[in-house]
Amino acid sequence: MLEDICGEGGGEIVRVTQVFGDGDNMLVIENVPMISCASGENYFTAEALHEIEGIKIHRDVLASKREVLVARFSADMREAEELDKAGVA
C-alpha cells in the first residue's frame, strides 16, 4: 500500500497529533496514523479522515478535558525585516 501511495521511495506510517479549531473550540487528537513518504509528502487515509470526522462530531463523549500550554508564534521584527529585504517573506 505504501508504494502505491508514495511511489518507489516508499514511506512509513507514523503517529501524529492534529489540532482542529482554536480557542474554546480547540480539539487535539493524538496518535493519528499518517502516511509519511520518503519524498516528504504526507497523507491521511480515507479511513483515518473518517475516524477524525467521527471524533470531531462526538467530541463531548470521546474527548477528555486537559489543561495544555498554548504559545502563539510571533516573528522578531528585525528578523522579519531582514527576511523581507532578502525577498524571502
Protein backbone atom coordinates (compact mmCIF):
# COMPACT_ATOMS: atom_id res chain seq x y z
CA MET A 1 0.00 0.00 0.00
CA LEU A 2 2.78 2.49 0.88
CA GLU A 3 4.46 2.07 -2.53
CA ASP A 4 1.10 2.65 -4.23
CA ILE A 5 0.75 5.96 -2.42
CA CYS A 6 4.37 7.09 -2.09
CA GLY A 7 5.95 5.58 -5.18
CA GLU A 8 9.30 3.81 -5.37
CA GLY A 9 10.79 5.63 -2.38
CA GLY A 10 8.13 4.12 -0.17
CA GLY A 11 7.17 5.51 3.18
CA GLU A 12 6.06 4.61 6.65
CA ILE A 13 3.08 5.05 8.90
CA VAL A 14 3.78 7.49 11.70
CA ARG A 15 1.54 8.66 14.54
CA VAL A 16 0.94 12.41 14.80
CA THR A 17 -1.07 14.89 16.84
CA GLN A 18 -3.56 17.04 14.94
CA VAL A 19 -5.19 20.23 16.22
CA PHE A 20 -8.59 21.40 14.97
CA GLY A 21 -10.28 24.72 15.73
CA ASP A 22 -8.99 27.32 18.16
CA GLY A 23 -9.75 28.94 21.47
CA ASP A 24 -12.57 27.28 23.40
CA ASN A 25 -13.40 25.17 20.33
CA MET A 26 -9.91 23.64 20.03
CA LEU A 27 -9.78 19.87 19.74
CA VAL A 28 -6.49 17.94 19.90
CA ILE A 29 -6.47 14.41 18.50
CA GLU A 30 -3.42 12.36 19.41
CA ASN A 31 -1.99 9.22 17.82
CA VAL A 32 -3.47 9.82 14.35
CA PRO A 33 -1.95 7.47 11.74
CA MET A 34 -0.37 9.35 8.84
CA ILE A 35 1.49 8.05 5.81
CA SER A 36 4.85 9.79 5.59
CA CYS A 37 6.54 9.34 2.20
CA ALA A 38 10.29 9.41 1.63
CA SER A 39 9.63 12.34 -0.77
CA GLY A 40 8.48 14.45 2.19
CA GLU A 41 4.78 14.35 1.35
CA ASN A 42 2.28 13.23 3.99
CA TYR A 43 -1.18 11.73 3.62
CA PHE A 44 -4.09 10.57 5.75
CA THR A 45 -6.04 7.57 4.54
CA ALA A 46 -9.77 7.86 3.92
CA GLU A 47 -10.28 5.61 6.94
CA ALA A 48 -8.25 7.95 9.18
CA LEU A 49 -10.11 11.02 7.88
CA HIS A 50 -13.44 9.28 8.51
CA GLU A 51 -12.37 8.48 12.08
CA ILE A 52 -11.23 12.08 12.62
CA GLU A 53 -14.64 13.38 11.49
CA GLY A 54 -16.36 10.94 13.88
CA ILE A 55 -14.21 12.14 16.77
CA LYS A 56 -14.95 15.77 15.90
CA ILE A 57 -18.71 15.08 15.80
CA HIS A 58 -18.72 13.10 19.07
CA ARG A 59 -16.04 15.11 20.86
CA ASP A 60 -18.15 15.52 24.01
CA VAL A 61 -18.18 11.75 24.52
CA LEU A 62 -14.79 10.74 23.08
CA ALA A 63 -12.51 13.54 24.27
CA SER A 64 -11.33 14.29 27.78
CA LYS A 65 -10.53 17.75 29.05
CA ARG A 66 -6.87 18.51 29.74
CA GLU A 67 -5.08 21.70 30.51
CA VAL A 68 -2.41 22.44 27.92
CA LEU A 69 0.01 25.28 27.35
CA VAL A 70 -0.56 27.15 24.10
CA ALA A 71 2.03 29.50 22.63
CA ARG A 72 1.48 31.88 19.74
CA PHE A 73 4.30 32.19 17.18
CA SER A 74 5.48 35.74 16.68
CA ALA A 75 8.47 36.56 14.47
CA ASP A 76 11.00 39.01 15.82
CA MET A 77 10.50 42.29 13.92
CA ARG A 78 14.20 42.57 12.99
CA GLU A 79 14.17 39.05 11.62
CA ALA A 80 11.01 39.78 9.63
CA GLU A 81 12.57 42.94 8.19
CA GLU A 82 15.74 41.05 7.22
CA LEU A 83 13.70 38.33 5.53
CA ASP A 84 11.67 40.97 3.70
CA LYS A 85 14.83 42.70 2.45
CA ALA A 86 16.20 39.35 1.27
CA GLY A 87 12.98 38.71 -0.64
CA VAL A 88 12.17 35.62 1.42
CA ALA A 89 8.98 36.79 3.09
